[in-house]
Amino acid sequence: QIPSREEMLHALEERHGIETQKRFSKASVAICGL
């Protein structure tokens, strides 16, 4: 079963910290060339 958005976010927050993860979650990054 695919974890919920909240479950995946919580796992990332535990790894990175809540404030850091907020920055990552709000970011938009372009990747030119794949």
All heavy atoms as atom14 arrays in JSON, in Angstrom:
{
  "sequence": "QIPSREEMLHALEERHGIETQKRFSKASVAICGL",
  "atom14_mask": [
    [1, 1, 1, 1, 1, 1, 1, 1, 1, 0, 0, 0, 0, 0],
    [1, 1, 1, 1, 1, 1, 1, 1, 0, 0, 0, 0, 0, 0],
    [1, 1, 1, 1, 1, 1, 1, 0, 0, 0, 0, 0, 0, 0],
    [1, 1, 1, 1, 1, 1, 0, 0, 0, 0, 0, 0, 0, 0],
    [1, 1, 1, 1, 1, 1, 1, 1, 1, 1, 1, 0, 0, 0],
    [1, 1, 1, 1, 1, 1, 1, 1, 1, 0, 0, 0, 0, 0],
    [1, 1, 1, 1, 1, 1, 1, 1, 1, 0, 0, 0, 0, 0],
    [1, 1, 1, 1, 1, 1, 1, 1, 0, 0, 0, 0, 0, 0],
    [1, 1, 1, 1, 1, 1, 1, 1, 0, 0, 0, 0, 0, 0],
    [1, 1, 1, 1, 1, 1, 1, 1, 1, 1, 0, 0, 0, 0],
    [1, 1, 1, 1, 1, 0, 0, 0, 0, 0, 0, 0, 0, 0],
    [1, 1, 1, 1, 1, 1, 1, 1, 0, 0, 0, 0, 0, 0],
    [1, 1, 1, 1, 1, 1, 1, 1, 1, 0, 0, 0, 0, 0],
    [1, 1, 1, 1, 1, 1, 1, 1, 1, 0, 0, 0, 0, 0],
    [1, 1, 1, 1, 1, 1, 1, 1, 1, 1, 1, 0, 0, 0],
    [1, 1, 1, 1, 1, 1, 1, 1, 1, 1, 0, 0, 0, 0],
    [1, 1, 1, 1, 0, 0, 0, 0, 0, 0, 0, 0, 0, 0],
    [1, 1, 1, 1, 1, 1, 1, 1, 0, 0, 0, 0, 0, 0],
    [1, 1, 1, 1, 1, 1, 1, 1, 1, 0, 0, 0, 0, 0],
    [1, 1, 1, 1, 1, 1, 1, 0, 0, 0, 0, 0, 0, 0],
    [1, 1, 1, 1, 1, 1, 1, 1, 1, 0, 0, 0, 0, 0],
    [1, 1, 1, 1, 1, 1, 1, 1, 1, 0, 0, 0, 0, 0],
    [1, 1, 1, 1, 1, 1, 1, 1, 1, 1, 1, 0, 0, 0],
    [1, 1, 1, 1, 1, 1, 1, 1, 1, 1, 1, 0, 0, 0],
    [1, 1, 1, 1, 1, 1, 0, 0, 0, 0, 0, 0, 0, 0],
    [1, 1, 1, 1, 1, 1, 1, 1, 1, 0, 0, 0, 0, 0],
    [1, 1, 1, 1, 1, 0, 0, 0, 0, 0, 0, 0, 0, 0],
    [1, 1, 1, 1, 1, 1, 0, 0, 0, 0, 0, 0, 0, 0],
    [1, 1, 1, 1, 1, 1, 1, 0, 0, 0, 0, 0, 0, 0],
    [1, 1, 1, 1, 1, 0, 0, 0, 0, 0, 0, 0, 0, 0],
    [1, 1, 1, 1, 1, 1, 1, 1, 0, 0, 0, 0, 0, 0],
    [1, 1, 1, 1, 1, 1, 0, 0, 0, 0, 0, 0, 0, 0],
    [1, 1, 1, 1, 0, 0, 0, 0, 0, 0, 0, 0, 0, 0],
    [1, 1, 1, 1, 1, 1, 1, 1, 0, 0, 0, 0, 0, 0]
  ],
  "atom14_positions": [
    [[0.85, -1.2, 0.0], [0.0, 0.0, 0.0], [0.88, 1.24, 0.0], [1.87, 1.33, 0.73], [-0.91, 0.0, 1.23], [-1.86, 1.19, 1.27], [-2.81, 1.12, 2.46], [-2.8, 0.14, 3.2], [-3.62, 2.14, 2.63], [0.0, 0.0, 0.0], [0.0, 0.0, 0.0], [0.0, 0.0, 0.0], [0.0, 0.0, 0.0], [0.0, 0.0, 0.0]],
    [[0.52, 2.22, -0.82], [1.28, 3.46, -0.89], [1.02, 4.27, 0.38], [-0.13, 4.5, 0.75], [0.88, 4.28, -2.12], [1.22, 3.51, -3.4], [1.59, 5.63, -2.13], [0.76, 4.18, -4.67], [0.0, 0.0, 0.0], [0.0, 0.0, 0.0], [0.0, 0.0, 0.0], [0.0, 0.0, 0.0], [0.0, 0.0, 0.0], [0.0, 0.0, 0.0]],
    [[2.08, 4.71, 1.07], [1.88, 5.54, 2.27], [1.15, 6.83, 1.91], [1.23, 7.31, 0.77], [3.31, 5.83, 2.75], [4.16, 4.79, 2.1], [3.5, 4.47, 0.79], [0.0, 0.0, 0.0], [0.0, 0.0, 0.0], [0.0, 0.0, 0.0], [0.0, 0.0, 0.0], [0.0, 0.0, 0.0], [0.0, 0.0, 0.0], [0.0, 0.0, 0.0]],
    [[0.46, 7.38, 2.86], [-0.23, 8.65, 2.62], [0.78, 9.78, 2.5], [1.95, 9.64, 2.88], [-1.19, 8.95, 3.78], [-0.46, 9.23, 4.96], [0.0, 0.0, 0.0], [0.0, 0.0, 0.0], [0.0, 0.0, 0.0], [0.0, 0.0, 0.0], [0.0, 0.0, 0.0], [0.0, 0.0, 0.0], [0.0, 0.0, 0.0], [0.0, 0.0, 0.0]],
    [[0.34, 10.9, 1.95], [1.19, 12.08, 1.86], [1.73, 12.47, 3.24], [2.9, 12.8, 3.42], [0.42, 13.24, 1.24], [1.23, 14.51, 1.06], [0.34, 15.66, 0.61], [-0.22, 15.43, -0.7], [0.37, 15.81, -1.84], [1.53, 16.45, -1.79], [-0.21, 15.59, -3.0], [0.0, 0.0, 0.0], [0.0, 0.0, 0.0], [0.0, 0.0, 0.0]],
    [[0.85, 12.42, 4.24], [1.24, 12.81, 5.59], [2.28, 11.86, 6.16], [3.23, 12.29, 6.84], [0.0, 12.84, 6.5], [-0.99, 13.95, 6.2], [-1.77, 13.74, 4.89], [-1.87, 12.57, 4.45], [-2.24, 14.74, 4.33], [0.0, 0.0, 0.0], [0.0, 0.0, 0.0], [0.0, 0.0, 0.0], [0.0, 0.0, 0.0], [0.0, 0.0, 0.0]],
    [[2.14, 10.57, 5.89], [3.11, 9.59, 6.38], [4.48, 9.81, 5.74], [5.52, 9.75, 6.43], [2.62, 8.17, 6.09], [1.46, 7.74, 6.98], [0.86, 6.43, 6.53], [0.84, 6.13, 5.31], [0.39, 5.68, 7.41], [0.0, 0.0, 0.0], [0.0, 0.0, 0.0], [0.0, 0.0, 0.0], [0.0, 0.0, 0.0], [0.0, 0.0, 0.0]],
    [[4.5, 10.06, 4.46], [5.78, 10.28, 3.79], [6.42, 11.58, 4.24], [7.64, 11.66, 4.43], [5.59, 10.25, 2.27], [5.15, 8.89, 1.76], [5.36, 8.67, -0.04], [7.14, 8.47, -0.16], [0.0, 0.0, 0.0], [0.0, 0.0, 0.0], [0.0, 0.0, 0.0], [0.0, 0.0, 0.0], [0.0, 0.0, 0.0], [0.0, 0.0, 0.0]],
    [[5.6, 12.62, 4.44], [6.13, 13.89, 4.92], [6.72, 13.74, 6.32], [7.8, 14.26, 6.62], [5.04, 14.95, 4.91], [5.44, 16.34, 5.43], [6.58, 16.91, 4.6], [4.25, 17.27, 5.43], [0.0, 0.0, 0.0], [0.0, 0.0, 0.0], [0.0, 0.0, 0.0], [0.0, 0.0, 0.0], [0.0, 0.0, 0.0], [0.0, 0.0, 0.0]],
    [[6.03, 13.01, 7.17], [6.51, 12.81, 8.54], [7.85, 12.09, 8.53], [8.76, 12.43, 9.31], [5.49, 12.02, 9.35], [5.9, 11.77, 10.76], [6.06, 12.78, 11.69], [6.23, 10.61, 11.4], [6.45, 12.25, 12.84], [6.57, 10.94, 12.69], [0.0, 0.0, 0.0], [0.0, 0.0, 0.0], [0.0, 0.0, 0.0], [0.0, 0.0, 0.0]],
    [[8.0, 11.09, 7.66], [9.27, 10.36, 7.58], [10.41, 11.29, 7.15], [11.53, 11.2, 7.67], [9.14, 9.2, 6.61], [0.0, 0.0, 0.0], [0.0, 0.0, 0.0], [0.0, 0.0, 0.0], [0.0, 0.0, 0.0], [0.0, 0.0, 0.0], [0.0, 0.0, 0.0], [0.0, 0.0, 0.0], [0.0, 0.0, 0.0], [0.0, 0.0, 0.0]],
    [[10.12, 12.2, 6.22], [11.13, 13.16, 5.78], [11.45, 14.17, 6.87], [12.61, 14.56, 7.06], [10.65, 13.87, 4.52], [10.63, 13.02, 3.25], [9.86, 13.73, 2.14], [12.04, 12.69, 2.78], [0.0, 0.0, 0.0], [0.0, 0.0, 0.0], [0.0, 0.0, 0.0], [0.0, 0.0, 0.0], [0.0, 0.0, 0.0], [0.0, 0.0, 0.0]],
    [[10.43, 14.61, 7.59], [10.66, 15.55, 8.69], [11.51, 14.94, 9.78], [12.35, 15.63, 10.39], [9.32, 16.01, 9.25], [8.54, 16.94, 8.32], [7.15, 17.25, 8.85], [6.66, 16.52, 9.75], [6.54, 18.23, 8.37], [0.0, 0.0, 0.0], [0.0, 0.0, 0.0], [0.0, 0.0, 0.0], [0.0, 0.0, 0.0], [0.0, 0.0, 0.0]],
    [[11.32, 13.66, 10.05], [12.16, 12.99, 11.05], [13.61, 12.92, 10.6], [14.52, 12.97, 11.43], [11.63, 11.57, 11.3], [10.35, 11.52, 12.13], [10.03, 10.12, 12.59], [10.27, 9.17, 11.8], [9.55, 9.98, 13.73], [0.0, 0.0, 0.0], [0.0, 0.0, 0.0], [0.0, 0.0, 0.0], [0.0, 0.0, 0.0], [0.0, 0.0, 0.0]],
    [[13.82, 12.84, 9.3], [15.18, 12.77, 8.77], [15.83, 14.13, 8.68], [16.99, 14.33, 9.05], [15.14, 12.11, 7.39], [16.48, 11.99, 6.68], [17.44, 11.1, 7.41], [16.9, 9.74, 7.56], [17.53, 8.78, 8.21], [18.69, 9.02, 8.79], [16.99, 7.57, 8.3], [0.0, 0.0, 0.0], [0.0, 0.0, 0.0], [0.0, 0.0, 0.0]],
    [[15.08, 15.13, 8.18], [15.67, 16.44, 7.88], [15.36, 17.52, 8.9], [16.02, 18.55, 8.92], [15.18, 16.93, 6.51], [15.51, 16.02, 5.39], [14.66, 15.79, 4.32], [16.61, 15.25, 5.14], [15.21, 14.94, 3.48], [16.38, 14.59, 3.96], [0.0, 0.0, 0.0], [0.0, 0.0, 0.0], [0.0, 0.0, 0.0], [0.0, 0.0, 0.0]],
    [[14.33, 17.31, 9.71], [13.84, 18.36, 10.58], [12.66, 19.07, 9.93], [12.61, 19.18, 8.7], [0.0, 0.0, 0.0], [0.0, 0.0, 0.0], [0.0, 0.0, 0.0], [0.0, 0.0, 0.0], [0.0, 0.0, 0.0], [0.0, 0.0, 0.0], [0.0, 0.0, 0.0], [0.0, 0.0, 0.0], [0.0, 0.0, 0.0], [0.0, 0.0, 0.0]],
    [[11.74, 19.55, 10.74], [10.5, 20.12, 10.22], [10.77, 21.37, 9.38], [10.24, 21.51, 8.26], [9.52, 20.43, 11.36], [9.04, 19.13, 12.01], [8.33, 21.24, 10.84], [8.18, 19.34, 13.24], [0.0, 0.0, 0.0], [0.0, 0.0, 0.0], [0.0, 0.0, 0.0], [0.0, 0.0, 0.0], [0.0, 0.0, 0.0], [0.0, 0.0, 0.0]],
    [[11.57, 22.29, 9.88], [11.79, 23.55, 9.17], [12.55, 23.33, 7.86], [12.23, 23.96, 6.84], [12.54, 24.54, 10.07], [11.71, 25.02, 11.25], [10.37, 25.6, 10.83], [10.35, 26.4, 9.85], [9.34, 25.26, 11.44], [0.0, 0.0, 0.0], [0.0, 0.0, 0.0], [0.0, 0.0, 0.0], [0.0, 0.0, 0.0], [0.0, 0.0, 0.0]],
    [[13.54, 22.47, 7.89], [14.29, 22.18, 6.66], [13.38, 21.54, 5.63], [13.39, 21.9, 4.44], [15.47, 21.25, 6.96], [16.4, 21.94, 7.8], [16.18, 20.82, 5.68], [0.0, 0.0, 0.0], [0.0, 0.0, 0.0], [0.0, 0.0, 0.0], [0.0, 0.0, 0.0], [0.0, 0.0, 0.0], [0.0, 0.0, 0.0], [0.0, 0.0, 0.0]],
    [[12.55, 20.61, 6.07], [11.67, 19.93, 5.12], [10.64, 20.89, 4.54], [10.23, 20.74, 3.38], [10.98, 18.73, 5.77], [10.24, 17.84, 4.79], [11.15, 17.38, 3.66], [12.24, 16.87, 3.91], [10.7, 17.55, 2.42], [0.0, 0.0, 0.0], [0.0, 0.0, 0.0], [0.0, 0.0, 0.0], [0.0, 0.0, 0.0], [0.0, 0.0, 0.0]],
    [[10.22, 21.88, 5.31], [9.31, 22.88, 4.76], [9.95, 23.59, 3.58], [9.3, 23.85, 2.56], [8.94, 23.91, 5.84], [7.89, 23.44, 6.83], [7.57, 24.55, 7.83], [6.52, 24.1, 8.82], [6.22, 25.16, 9.83], [0.0, 0.0, 0.0], [0.0, 0.0, 0.0], [0.0, 0.0, 0.0], [0.0, 0.0, 0.0], [0.0, 0.0, 0.0]],
    [[11.24, 23.9, 3.69], [11.94, 24.56, 2.59], [12.01, 23.65, 1.37], [11.79, 24.09, 0.23], [13.36, 24.93, 3.02], [13.43, 26.01, 4.09], [14.87, 26.23, 4.53], [14.96, 27.23, 5.58], [15.68, 28.34, 5.5], [16.37, 28.59, 4.41], [15.72, 29.19, 6.5], [0.0, 0.0, 0.0], [0.0, 0.0, 0.0], [0.0, 0.0, 0.0]],
    [[12.32, 22.37, 1.61], [12.4, 21.43, 0.49], [11.04, 21.25, -0.18], [10.93, 21.22, -1.4], [12.91, 20.07, 0.98], [14.34, 20.06, 1.47], [14.87, 18.92, 2.05], [15.16, 21.17, 1.34], [16.19, 18.89, 2.5], [16.47, 21.16, 1.79], [16.99, 20.01, 2.37], [0.0, 0.0, 0.0], [0.0, 0.0, 0.0], [0.0, 0.0, 0.0]],
    [[10.0, 21.14, 0.62], [8.67, 20.87, 0.09], [8.14, 22.05, -0.73], [7.34, 21.85, -1.67], [7.7, 20.55, 1.22], [8.08, 19.37, 1.91], [0.0, 0.0, 0.0], [0.0, 0.0, 0.0], [0.0, 0.0, 0.0], [0.0, 0.0, 0.0], [0.0, 0.0, 0.0], [0.0, 0.0, 0.0], [0.0, 0.0, 0.0], [0.0, 0.0, 0.0]],
    [[8.55, 23.26, -0.4], [8.08, 24.44, -1.12], [8.89, 24.72, -2.38], [8.49, 25.55, -3.2], [8.14, 25.67, -0.2], [7.13, 25.67, 0.92], [7.03, 27.02, 1.6], [8.36, 27.47, 2.18], [8.24, 28.77, 2.89], [0.0, 0.0, 0.0], [0.0, 0.0, 0.0], [0.0, 0.0, 0.0], [0.0, 0.0, 0.0], [0.0, 0.0, 0.0]],
    [[10.03, 24.05, -2.54], [10.95, 24.38, -3.62], [10.51, 23.83, -4.96], [9.88, 22.78, -5.05], [12.34, 23.85, -3.28], [0.0, 0.0, 0.0], [0.0, 0.0, 0.0], [0.0, 0.0, 0.0], [0.0, 0.0, 0.0], [0.0, 0.0, 0.0], [0.0, 0.0, 0.0], [0.0, 0.0, 0.0], [0.0, 0.0, 0.0], [0.0, 0.0, 0.0]],
    [[10.88, 24.57, -6.01], [10.7, 24.11, -7.38], [12.06, 24.16, -8.06], [12.71, 25.21, -8.1], [9.7, 25.0, -8.12], [9.54, 24.57, -9.45], [0.0, 0.0, 0.0], [0.0, 0.0, 0.0], [0.0, 0.0, 0.0], [0.0, 0.0, 0.0], [0.0, 0.0, 0.0], [0.0, 0.0, 0.0], [0.0, 0.0, 0.0], [0.0, 0.0, 0.0]],
    [[12.5, 23.02, -8.57], [13.84, 22.9, -9.16], [13.72, 22.4, -10.58], [13.02, 21.41, -10.85], [14.72, 21.95, -8.33], [16.11, 21.81, -8.98], [14.85, 22.43, -6.89], [0.0, 0.0, 0.0], [0.0, 0.0, 0.0], [0.0, 0.0, 0.0], [0.0, 0.0, 0.0], [0.0, 0.0, 0.0], [0.0, 0.0, 0.0], [0.0, 0.0, 0.0]],
    [[14.4, 23.06, -11.5], [14.44, 22.61, -12.9], [15.68, 21.76, -13.12], [16.76, 22.08, -12.62], [14.45, 23.8, -13.84], [0.0, 0.0, 0.0], [0.0, 0.0, 0.0], [0.0, 0.0, 0.0], [0.0, 0.0, 0.0], [0.0, 0.0, 0.0], [0.0, 0.0, 0.0], [0.0, 0.0, 0.0], [0.0, 0.0, 0.0], [0.0, 0.0, 0.0]],
    [[15.52, 20.69, -13.88], [16.65, 19.83, -14.25], [16.69, 19.77, -15.77], [15.78, 19.24, -16.41], [16.5, 18.42, -13.64], [16.41, 18.53, -12.12], [17.68, 17.54, -14.04], [16.05, 17.24, -11.43], [0.0, 0.0, 0.0], [0.0, 0.0, 0.0], [0.0, 0.0, 0.0], [0.0, 0.0, 0.0], [0.0, 0.0, 0.0], [0.0, 0.0, 0.0]],
    [[17.75, 20.33, -16.32], [17.86, 20.49, -17.77], [18.83, 19.45, -18.31], [20.04, 19.55, -18.13], [18.36, 21.89, -18.09], [17.36, 23.19, -17.33], [0.0, 0.0, 0.0], [0.0, 0.0, 0.0], [0.0, 0.0, 0.0], [0.0, 0.0, 0.0], [0.0, 0.0, 0.0], [0.0, 0.0, 0.0], [0.0, 0.0, 0.0], [0.0, 0.0, 0.0]],
    [[18.27, 18.45, -18.98], [19.06, 17.31, -19.43], [18.85, 16.15, -18.46], [19.1, 16.3, -17.26], [0.0, 0.0, 0.0], [0.0, 0.0, 0.0], [0.0, 0.0, 0.0], [0.0, 0.0, 0.0], [0.0, 0.0, 0.0], [0.0, 0.0, 0.0], [0.0, 0.0, 0.0], [0.0, 0.0, 0.0], [0.0, 0.0, 0.0], [0.0, 0.0, 0.0]],
    [[18.37, 15.03, -18.97], [18.0, 13.91, -18.11], [18.85, 12.68, -18.39], [18.39, 11.55, -18.36], [16.52, 13.58, -18.29], [15.56, 14.74, -18.05], [14.12, 14.3, -18.29], [15.72, 15.32, -16.65], [0.0, 0.0, 0.0], [0.0, 0.0, 0.0], [0.0, 0.0, 0.0], [0.0, 0.0, 0.0], [0.0, 0.0, 0.0], [0.0, 0.0, 0.0]]
  ]
}
